[in-house]
Amino acid sequence: MARKDDYYNRAKQEGYRARSAYKLRQIDEEVDLFDRGDTVVDLGAAPGGWLQVAAEEVTEAGTVVGVDLQRIDELEHPHVETVRGDMTDERTRYYLRKALGVDPDPDESEGTPDRPVDVVVSDMAPNMTGEYQLDHARSIHLCRQAFDTALELLKPGGDFVVKVFDGPDLADFRDDVEAQFQYVRAYTPEASRKRSSERYLLARGRTDAPVSAGDRLTVDVTDVGEEGDGVARVDGYTLFVPGTEAGETVEVVVDDVKPRFGFAERVE
């Protein structure tokens, strides 16, 4: 029996709406993607196989919201909601934020909008024409839609999974993703069909910091951490500065940026 038939039959037997559910399950097993209580956004969610897997993993303590142009039949999980629409449409983004329970029309001039999401996953793919360059360009366009959504909604430290296809524009897209996350790796689930060129980029640890490694700036040290390092804050972001004390104003160079905090060296 061919492998594709095996996964198709398993999906039927185990109640999943699509064989692709096993791709997400294998991704989760590979990197421990979901935690109980997580908030998850699933892009390109129809017919709902990935929604089912995410809902099982986060349990009713979490929230899962799926978005797709196609209608998604209601699932039995009470903590799953769906939004029908195109993520390039502001209306769709409005209703997605509303489903997540945050301000659906934030005014960014008043500060950083709420970013409540722990994981954004995307299994979106274009309708294939058979023209390689066109299909690849369309797939990267969808990837960038998903990436923009992840940057808009992921909390610091959040994770992003996106389906990609090999091609000339993939390297630039991956570079852009790597600039926003702690690390990125490519992974091909066993459930992917052998003839497919698809793979998934697994981006872990959303870095949402107002500083970058190498930045030189002047900071006020307001506190001392448990390890004895001075603590400074830049737009609410924590920088640990060894060799400083509370009350000092010092010039520093940022040398390491993590999702929720960073490290800087005092400039003598």
C-alpha atoms as a PDB file:
ATOM      1  CA  MET A   1       0.000   0.000   0.000  1.00  0.00           C
ATOM      2  CA  ALA A   2       1.332   3.423  -0.916  1.00  0.00           C
ATOM      3  CA  ARG A   3       2.213   5.738   1.913  1.00  0.00           C
ATOM      4  CA  LYS A   4      -0.297   8.364   0.788  1.00  0.00           C
ATOM      5  CA  ASP A   5      -3.087   5.792   1.058  1.00  0.00           C
ATOM      6  CA  ASP A   6      -1.910   4.805   4.510  1.00  0.00           C
ATOM      7  CA  TYR A   7      -2.220   8.342   5.832  1.00  0.00           C
ATOM      8  CA  TYR A   8      -5.520   8.850   4.035  1.00  0.00           C
ATOM      9  CA  ASN A   9      -6.934   5.705   5.611  1.00  0.00           C
ATOM     10  CA  ARG A  10      -5.590   6.587   9.030  1.00  0.00           C
ATOM     11  CA  ALA A  11      -7.244   9.995   8.806  1.00  0.00           C
ATOM     12  CA  LYS A  12     -10.571   8.355   8.007  1.00  0.00           C
ATOM     13  CA  GLN A  13     -10.197   5.838  10.826  1.00  0.00           C
ATOM     14  CA  GLU A  14      -9.062   8.354  13.435  1.00  0.00           C
ATOM     15  CA  GLY A  15     -11.545  11.077  12.525  1.00  0.00           C
ATOM     16  CA  TYR A  16      -9.238  13.673  10.964  1.00  0.00           C
ATOM     17  CA  ARG A  17     -10.599  15.724   8.109  1.00  0.00           C
ATOM     18  CA  ALA A  18      -7.434  15.466   6.014  1.00  0.00           C
ATOM     19  CA  ARG A  19      -4.294  13.348   5.821  1.00  0.00           C
ATOM     20  CA  SER A  20      -2.321  16.585   6.276  1.00  0.00           C
ATOM     21  CA  ALA A  21      -3.212  16.420   9.974  1.00  0.00           C
ATOM     22  CA  TYR A  22      -0.318  13.968  10.350  1.00  0.00           C
ATOM     23  CA  LYS A  23       2.135  16.541   8.992  1.00  0.00           C
ATOM     24  CA  LEU A  24       1.309  18.892  11.853  1.00  0.00           C
ATOM     25  CA  ARG A  25       1.314  16.058  14.364  1.00  0.00           C
ATOM     26  CA  GLN A  26       4.796  15.044  13.186  1.00  0.00           C
ATOM     27  CA  ILE A  27       6.003  18.660  13.339  1.00  0.00           C
ATOM     28  CA  ASP A  28       4.718  18.876  16.905  1.00  0.00           C
ATOM     29  CA  GLU A  29       6.454  15.630  17.814  1.00  0.00           C
ATOM     30  CA  GLU A  30       9.678  16.912  16.247  1.00  0.00           C
ATOM     31  CA  VAL A  31       9.883  20.275  18.040  1.00  0.00           C
ATOM     32  CA  ASP A  32       7.236  20.163  20.802  1.00  0.00           C
ATOM     33  CA  LEU A  33       5.368  23.013  19.132  1.00  0.00           C
ATOM     34  CA  PHE A  34       2.228  23.213  21.261  1.00  0.00           C
ATOM     35  CA  ASP A  35       1.677  23.616  24.983  1.00  0.00           C
ATOM     36  CA  ARG A  36      -1.521  23.268  26.959  1.00  0.00           C
ATOM     37  CA  GLY A  37      -3.304  26.621  27.025  1.00  0.00           C
ATOM     38  CA  ASP A  38      -1.635  28.065  23.916  1.00  0.00           C
ATOM     39  CA  THR A  39      -3.379  30.434  21.539  1.00  0.00           C
ATOM     40  CA  VAL A  40      -2.915  29.232  17.947  1.00  0.00           C
ATOM     41  CA  VAL A  41      -3.738  30.769  14.562  1.00  0.00           C
ATOM     42  CA  ASP A  42      -4.020  28.372  11.603  1.00  0.00           C
ATOM     43  CA  LEU A  43      -3.842  29.992   8.145  1.00  0.00           C
ATOM     44  CA  GLY A  44      -5.231  28.071   5.179  1.00  0.00           C
ATOM     45  CA  ALA A  45      -7.117  25.961   7.696  1.00  0.00           C
ATOM     46  CA  ALA A  46      -9.728  24.250   5.486  1.00  0.00           C
ATOM     47  CA  PRO A  47     -10.932  21.562   5.743  1.00  0.00           C
ATOM     48  CA  GLY A  48      -9.813  21.574   9.379  1.00  0.00           C
ATOM     49  CA  GLY A  49      -7.305  18.764   9.946  1.00  0.00           C
ATOM     50  CA  TRP A  50      -4.679  21.076  11.406  1.00  0.00           C
ATOM     51  CA  LEU A  51      -7.337  22.742  13.561  1.00  0.00           C
ATOM     52  CA  GLN A  52      -8.180  19.351  15.026  1.00  0.00           C
ATOM     53  CA  VAL A  53      -4.562  18.577  15.903  1.00  0.00           C
ATOM     54  CA  ALA A  54      -3.932  22.008  17.420  1.00  0.00           C
ATOM     55  CA  ALA A  55      -7.172  21.842  19.419  1.00  0.00           C
ATOM     56  CA  GLU A  56      -6.222  18.449  20.857  1.00  0.00           C
ATOM     57  CA  GLU A  57      -2.765  19.645  21.864  1.00  0.00           C
ATOM     58  CA  VAL A  58      -3.672  22.965  23.498  1.00  0.00           C
ATOM     59  CA  THR A  59      -6.792  21.424  25.130  1.00  0.00           C
ATOM     60  CA  GLU A  60      -9.826  23.464  26.144  1.00  0.00           C
ATOM     61  CA  ALA A  61      -7.505  25.670  28.178  1.00  0.00           C
ATOM     62  CA  GLY A  62      -6.288  27.127  24.870  1.00  0.00           C
ATOM     63  CA  THR A  63      -7.760  28.861  21.845  1.00  0.00           C
ATOM     64  CA  VAL A  64      -7.460  27.961  18.161  1.00  0.00           C
ATOM     65  CA  VAL A  65      -8.597  30.237  15.333  1.00  0.00           C
ATOM     66  CA  GLY A  66      -8.545  29.081  11.715  1.00  0.00           C
ATOM     67  CA  VAL A  67      -8.668  31.303   8.624  1.00  0.00           C
ATOM     68  CA  ASP A  68      -9.436  30.265   5.058  1.00  0.00           C
ATOM     69  CA  LEU A  69     -11.147  31.544   1.925  1.00  0.00           C
ATOM     70  CA  GLN A  70     -13.169  28.337   1.931  1.00  0.00           C
ATOM     71  CA  ARG A  71     -15.893  27.567   4.403  1.00  0.00           C
ATOM     72  CA  ILE A  72     -14.783  25.345   7.295  1.00  0.00           C
ATOM     73  CA  ASP A  73     -17.478  23.101   8.731  1.00  0.00           C
ATOM     74  CA  GLU A  74     -17.910  23.553  12.463  1.00  0.00           C
ATOM     75  CA  LEU A  75     -15.698  21.346  14.622  1.00  0.00           C
ATOM     76  CA  GLU A  76     -16.741  19.588  17.794  1.00  0.00           C
ATOM     77  CA  HIS A  77     -14.071  21.413  19.780  1.00  0.00           C
ATOM     78  CA  PRO A  78     -15.623  24.386  21.642  1.00  0.00           C
ATOM     79  CA  HIS A  79     -12.324  26.272  21.791  1.00  0.00           C
ATOM     80  CA  VAL A  80     -11.995  26.480  17.992  1.00  0.00           C
ATOM     81  CA  GLU A  81     -13.287  29.435  15.964  1.00  0.00           C
ATOM     82  CA  THR A  82     -13.022  30.069  12.240  1.00  0.00           C
ATOM     83  CA  VAL A  83     -12.871  33.187  10.082  1.00  0.00           C
ATOM     84  CA  ARG A  84     -13.656  33.060   6.390  1.00  0.00           C
ATOM     85  CA  GLY A  85     -11.630  35.454   4.283  1.00  0.00           C
ATOM     86  CA  ASP A  86      -8.343  36.526   2.696  1.00  0.00           C
ATOM     87  CA  MET A  87      -5.541  37.629   5.029  1.00  0.00           C
ATOM     88  CA  THR A  88      -4.674  40.482   2.656  1.00  0.00           C
ATOM     89  CA  ASP A  89      -8.136  41.923   3.371  1.00  0.00           C
ATOM     90  CA  GLU A  90      -8.351  44.292   6.350  1.00  0.00           C
ATOM     91  CA  ARG A  91     -11.835  42.953   7.062  1.00  0.00           C
ATOM     92  CA  THR A  92     -10.416  39.464   7.589  1.00  0.00           C
ATOM     93  CA  ARG A  93      -7.688  40.773   9.883  1.00  0.00           C
ATOM     94  CA  TYR A  94     -10.357  42.686  11.834  1.00  0.00           C
ATOM     95  CA  TYR A  95     -12.421  39.558  12.458  1.00  0.00           C
ATOM     96  CA  LEU A  96      -9.344  37.477  13.246  1.00  0.00           C
ATOM     97  CA  ARG A  97      -8.297  39.879  15.994  1.00  0.00           C
ATOM     98  CA  LYS A  98     -11.873  39.947  17.242  1.00  0.00           C
ATOM     99  CA  ALA A  99     -11.916  36.137  17.435  1.00  0.00           C
ATOM    100  CA  LEU A 100      -8.678  36.301  19.440  1.00  0.00           C
ATOM    101  CA  GLY A 101     -10.319  38.606  21.952  1.00  0.00           C
ATOM    102  CA  VAL A 102      -8.153  41.664  21.342  1.00  0.00           C
ATOM    103  CA  ASP A 103      -8.834  45.130  19.951  1.00  0.00           C
ATOM    104  CA  PRO A 104      -9.860  44.435  16.344  1.00  0.00           C
ATOM    105  CA  ASP A 105      -8.916  47.934  15.181  1.00  0.00           C
ATOM    106  CA  PRO A 106      -5.827  48.958  17.194  1.00  0.00           C
ATOM    107  CA  ASP A 107      -4.321  52.439  17.004  1.00  0.00           C
ATOM    108  CA  GLU A 108      -0.583  51.803  16.798  1.00  0.00           C
ATOM    109  CA  SER A 109       0.112  55.429  17.686  1.00  0.00           C
ATOM    110  CA  GLU A 110      -1.068  54.542  21.191  1.00  0.00           C
ATOM    111  CA  GLY A 111       1.557  51.833  21.588  1.00  0.00           C
ATOM    112  CA  THR A 112       2.211  48.254  20.528  1.00  0.00           C
ATOM    113  CA  PRO A 113      -1.064  46.433  19.698  1.00  0.00           C
ATOM    114  CA  ASP A 114      -1.984  43.330  21.677  1.00  0.00           C
ATOM    115  CA  ARG A 115      -0.099  40.272  20.449  1.00  0.00           C
ATOM    116  CA  PRO A 116      -1.791  37.325  22.131  1.00  0.00           C
ATOM    117  CA  VAL A 117      -0.727  34.409  19.913  1.00  0.00           C
ATOM    118  CA  ASP A 118       1.743  31.666  20.887  1.00  0.00           C
ATOM    119  CA  VAL A 119       1.880  29.829  17.545  1.00  0.00           C
ATOM    120  CA  VAL A 120       1.022  30.730  13.944  1.00  0.00           C
ATOM    121  CA  VAL A 121       0.917  27.818  11.486  1.00  0.00           C
ATOM    122  CA  SER A 122       0.336  27.980   7.747  1.00  0.00           C
ATOM    123  CA  ASP A 123      -0.266  25.123   5.326  1.00  0.00           C
ATOM    124  CA  MET A 124      -1.323  27.528   2.551  1.00  0.00           C
ATOM    125  CA  ALA A 125      -0.412  26.649  -1.022  1.00  0.00           C
ATOM    126  CA  PRO A 126      -1.445  28.189  -4.361  1.00  0.00           C
ATOM    127  CA  ASN A 127      -3.531  26.457  -6.980  1.00  0.00           C
ATOM    128  CA  MET A 128      -0.800  24.960  -9.123  1.00  0.00           C
ATOM    129  CA  THR A 129      -0.687  25.864 -12.819  1.00  0.00           C
ATOM    130  CA  GLY A 130       2.239  23.656 -13.781  1.00  0.00           C
ATOM    131  CA  GLU A 131       4.334  26.725 -14.626  1.00  0.00           C
ATOM    132  CA  TYR A 132       7.229  26.463 -12.189  1.00  0.00           C
ATOM    133  CA  GLN A 133       8.177  30.151 -11.918  1.00  0.00           C
ATOM    134  CA  LEU A 134       4.577  31.287 -11.503  1.00  0.00           C
ATOM    135  CA  ASP A 135       3.730  28.609  -8.957  1.00  0.00           C
ATOM    136  CA  HIS A 136       6.858  29.357  -6.934  1.00  0.00           C
ATOM    137  CA  ALA A 137       6.185  33.107  -6.942  1.00  0.00           C
ATOM    138  CA  ARG A 138       2.627  32.526  -5.775  1.00  0.00           C
ATOM    139  CA  SER A 139       3.767  30.193  -3.009  1.00  0.00           C
ATOM    140  CA  ILE A 140       6.277  32.743  -1.697  1.00  0.00           C
ATOM    141  CA  HIS A 141       3.555  35.402  -1.802  1.00  0.00           C
ATOM    142  CA  LEU A 142       1.393  33.224   0.461  1.00  0.00           C
ATOM    143  CA  CYS A 143       4.369  32.568   2.733  1.00  0.00           C
ATOM    144  CA  ARG A 144       4.889  36.302   3.131  1.00  0.00           C
ATOM    145  CA  GLN A 145       1.205  36.789   3.949  1.00  0.00           C
ATOM    146  CA  ALA A 146       1.576  34.227   6.717  1.00  0.00           C
ATOM    147  CA  PHE A 147       4.837  35.806   7.886  1.00  0.00           C
ATOM    148  CA  ASP A 148       3.234  39.262   8.099  1.00  0.00           C
ATOM    149  CA  THR A 149       0.422  37.783  10.174  1.00  0.00           C
ATOM    150  CA  ALA A 150       2.925  36.096  12.482  1.00  0.00           C
ATOM    151  CA  LEU A 151       4.796  39.373  13.037  1.00  0.00           C
ATOM    152  CA  GLU A 152       1.515  41.167  13.740  1.00  0.00           C
ATOM    153  CA  LEU A 153       0.109  38.661  16.237  1.00  0.00           C
ATOM    154  CA  LEU A 154       2.897  36.597  17.830  1.00  0.00           C
ATOM    155  CA  LYS A 155       3.925  37.456  21.357  1.00  0.00           C
ATOM    156  CA  PRO A 156       7.671  37.581  22.103  1.00  0.00           C
ATOM    157  CA  GLY A 157       8.994  34.026  22.104  1.00  0.00           C
ATOM    158  CA  GLY A 158       6.171  32.776  19.873  1.00  0.00           C
ATOM    159  CA  ASP A 159       6.650  30.223  17.084  1.00  0.00           C
ATOM    160  CA  PHE A 160       5.852  30.190  13.354  1.00  0.00           C
ATOM    161  CA  VAL A 161       5.474  27.218  10.988  1.00  0.00           C
ATOM    162  CA  VAL A 162       5.002  27.771   7.260  1.00  0.00           C
ATOM    163  CA  LYS A 163       4.880  25.499   4.223  1.00  0.00           C
ATOM    164  CA  VAL A 164       7.396  26.448   1.541  1.00  0.00           C
ATOM    165  CA  PHE A 165       8.493  25.063  -1.814  1.00  0.00           C
ATOM    166  CA  ASP A 166      12.019  24.979  -3.192  1.00  0.00           C
ATOM    167  CA  GLY A 167      12.861  27.742  -5.625  1.00  0.00           C
ATOM    168  CA  PRO A 168      14.963  30.844  -6.263  1.00  0.00           C
ATOM    169  CA  ASP A 169      13.027  33.126  -3.878  1.00  0.00           C
ATOM    170  CA  LEU A 170      13.086  30.794  -0.891  1.00  0.00           C
ATOM    171  CA  ALA A 171      16.524  31.861   0.397  1.00  0.00           C
ATOM    172  CA  ASP A 172      15.525  35.532   0.654  1.00  0.00           C
ATOM    173  CA  PHE A 173      12.306  34.621   2.425  1.00  0.00           C
ATOM    174  CA  ARG A 174      14.159  32.413   4.885  1.00  0.00           C
ATOM    175  CA  ASP A 175      16.653  35.211   5.574  1.00  0.00           C
ATOM    176  CA  ASP A 176      13.766  37.524   6.455  1.00  0.00           C
ATOM    177  CA  VAL A 177      12.278  34.937   8.811  1.00  0.00           C
ATOM    178  CA  GLU A 178      15.646  34.285  10.470  1.00  0.00           C
ATOM    179  CA  ALA A 179      15.979  38.006  11.194  1.00  0.00           C
ATOM    180  CA  GLN A 180      12.842  37.864  13.349  1.00  0.00           C
ATOM    181  CA  PHE A 181      13.278  34.564  15.217  1.00  0.00           C
ATOM    182  CA  GLN A 182      15.890  32.939  17.423  1.00  0.00           C
ATOM    183  CA  TYR A 183      16.402  30.070  15.035  1.00  0.00           C
ATOM    184  CA  VAL A 184      14.886  28.588  11.897  1.00  0.00           C
ATOM    185  CA  ARG A 185      15.176  25.109  10.472  1.00  0.00           C
ATOM    186  CA  ALA A 186      13.653  23.265   7.535  1.00  0.00           C
ATOM    187  CA  TYR A 187      11.790  20.026   8.137  1.00  0.00           C
ATOM    188  CA  THR A 188       9.953  17.574   5.900  1.00  0.00           C
ATOM    189  CA  PRO A 189       7.361  15.444   7.738  1.00  0.00           C
ATOM    190  CA  GLU A 190       7.141  11.789   6.827  1.00  0.00           C
ATOM    191  CA  ALA A 191       3.509  12.403   5.871  1.00  0.00           C
ATOM    192  CA  SER A 192       4.545  14.691   2.990  1.00  0.00           C
ATOM    193  CA  ARG A 193       4.184  12.952  -0.335  1.00  0.00           C
ATOM    194  CA  LYS A 194       7.451  11.760  -1.847  1.00  0.00           C
ATOM    195  CA  ARG A 195       6.892  13.550  -5.127  1.00  0.00           C
ATOM    196  CA  SER A 196       6.253  16.891  -3.436  1.00  0.00           C
ATOM    197  CA  SER A 197       8.950  19.563  -3.078  1.00  0.00           C
ATOM    198  CA  GLU A 198       7.219  20.956  -0.014  1.00  0.00           C
ATOM    199  CA  ARG A 199       8.959  21.427   3.287  1.00  0.00           C
ATOM    200  CA  TYR A 200       8.209  23.451   6.389  1.00  0.00           C
ATOM    201  CA  LEU A 201      10.187  26.248   7.969  1.00  0.00           C
ATOM    202  CA  LEU A 202      10.039  25.925  11.744  1.00  0.00           C
ATOM    203  CA  ALA A 203      10.800  29.336  13.265  1.00  0.00           C
ATOM    204  CA  ARG A 204      11.168  29.351  17.042  1.00  0.00           C
ATOM    205  CA  GLY A 205      11.339  32.248  19.479  1.00  0.00           C
ATOM    206  CA  ARG A 206       9.876  35.430  17.990  1.00  0.00           C
ATOM    207  CA  THR A 207      12.302  38.255  18.712  1.00  0.00           C
ATOM    208  CA  ASP A 208      10.281  41.427  19.221  1.00  0.00           C
ATOM    209  CA  ALA A 209      12.951  43.773  20.502  1.00  0.00           C
ATOM    210  CA  PRO A 210      13.511  47.519  19.943  1.00  0.00           C
ATOM    211  CA  VAL A 211      17.272  46.899  19.777  1.00  0.00           C
ATOM    212  CA  SER A 212      19.565  44.761  17.643  1.00  0.00           C
ATOM    213  CA  ALA A 213      22.967  43.189  18.262  1.00  0.00           C
ATOM    214  CA  GLY A 214      25.639  45.812  17.668  1.00  0.00           C
ATOM    215  CA  ASP A 215      23.473  48.802  18.613  1.00  0.00           C
ATOM    216  CA  ARG A 216      25.260  51.447  20.683  1.00  0.00           C
ATOM    217  CA  LEU A 217      23.076  53.470  23.037  1.00  0.00           C
ATOM    218  CA  THR A 218      22.897  55.234  26.387  1.00  0.00           C
ATOM    219  CA  VAL A 219      20.684  53.618  29.033  1.00  0.00           C
ATOM    220  CA  ASP A 220      19.596  54.255  32.622  1.00  0.00           C
ATOM    221  CA  VAL A 221      20.244  51.317  34.937  1.00  0.00           C
ATOM    222  CA  THR A 222      17.171  51.130  37.154  1.00  0.00           C
ATOM    223  CA  ASP A 223      17.599  47.842  39.001  1.00  0.00           C
ATOM    224  CA  VAL A 224      19.905  44.887  39.662  1.00  0.00           C
ATOM    225  CA  GLY A 225      18.967  41.359  38.595  1.00  0.00           C
ATOM    226  CA  GLU A 226      19.243  38.132  40.571  1.00  0.00           C
ATOM    227  CA  GLU A 227      22.667  37.420  39.042  1.00  0.00           C
ATOM    228  CA  GLY A 228      23.978  40.860  39.988  1.00  0.00           C
ATOM    229  CA  ASP A 229      23.762  42.399  36.511  1.00  0.00           C
ATOM    230  CA  GLY A 230      22.401  45.902  36.097  1.00  0.00           C
ATOM    231  CA  VAL A 231      18.950  46.106  34.511  1.00  0.00           C
ATOM    232  CA  ALA A 232      18.013  48.769  31.976  1.00  0.00           C
ATOM    233  CA  ARG A 233      14.830  49.053  29.924  1.00  0.00           C
ATOM    234  CA  VAL A 234      14.452  50.296  26.365  1.00  0.00           C
ATOM    235  CA  ASP A 235      10.817  50.814  25.343  1.00  0.00           C
ATOM    236  CA  GLY A 236       9.815  48.172  27.886  1.00  0.00           C
ATOM    237  CA  TYR A 237      12.461  45.681  26.726  1.00  0.00           C
ATOM    238  CA  THR A 238      14.916  44.439  29.363  1.00  0.00           C
ATOM    239  CA  LEU A 239      18.663  44.716  28.882  1.00  0.00           C
ATOM    240  CA  PHE A 240      21.063  43.125  31.359  1.00  0.00           C
ATOM    241  CA  VAL A 241      24.298  45.112  31.707  1.00  0.00           C
ATOM    242  CA  PRO A 242      27.038  43.386  33.755  1.00  0.00           C
ATOM    243  CA  GLY A 243      29.232  45.579  35.924  1.00  0.00           C
ATOM    244  CA  THR A 244      26.676  48.322  36.464  1.00  0.00           C
ATOM    245  CA  GLU A 245      24.567  49.434  39.417  1.00  0.00           C
ATOM    246  CA  ALA A 246      21.131  50.942  39.858  1.00  0.00           C
ATOM    247  CA  GLY A 247      21.138  54.694  39.311  1.00  0.00           C
ATOM    248  CA  GLU A 248      23.920  54.754  36.714  1.00  0.00           C
ATOM    249  CA  THR A 249      23.564  56.147  33.204  1.00  0.00           C
ATOM    250  CA  VAL A 250      25.940  54.300  30.902  1.00  0.00           C
ATOM    251  CA  GLU A 251      26.788  53.846  27.267  1.00  0.00           C
ATOM    252  CA  VAL A 252      26.463  50.233  26.100  1.00  0.00           C
ATOM    253  CA  VAL A 253      26.788  48.013  23.050  1.00  0.00           C
ATOM    254  CA  VAL A 254      24.103  45.348  22.628  1.00  0.00           C
ATOM    255  CA  ASP A 255      25.711  41.949  22.078  1.00  0.00           C
ATOM    256  CA  ASP A 256      22.869  39.408  22.402  1.00  0.00           C
ATOM    257  CA  VAL A 257      19.147  39.773  21.752  1.00  0.00           C
ATOM    258  CA  LYS A 258      16.640  37.176  22.930  1.00  0.00           C
ATOM    259  CA  PRO A 259      12.850  37.214  22.619  1.00  0.00           C
ATOM    260  CA  ARG A 260      12.140  38.713  26.043  1.00  0.00           C
ATOM    261  CA  PHE A 261      15.487  40.188  27.104  1.00  0.00           C
ATOM    262  CA  GLY A 262      18.979  40.958  25.881  1.00  0.00           C
ATOM    263  CA  PHE A 263      22.536  41.550  27.056  1.00  0.00           C
ATOM    264  CA  ALA A 264      24.753  44.578  26.573  1.00  0.00           C
ATOM    265  CA  GLU A 265      28.343  45.408  27.458  1.00  0.00           C
ATOM    266  CA  ARG A 266      29.281  48.678  29.067  1.00  0.00           C
ATOM    267  CA  VAL A 267      31.460  50.897  26.911  1.00  0.00           C
ATOM    268  CA  GLU A 268      34.443  52.101  28.924  1.00  0.00           C
END
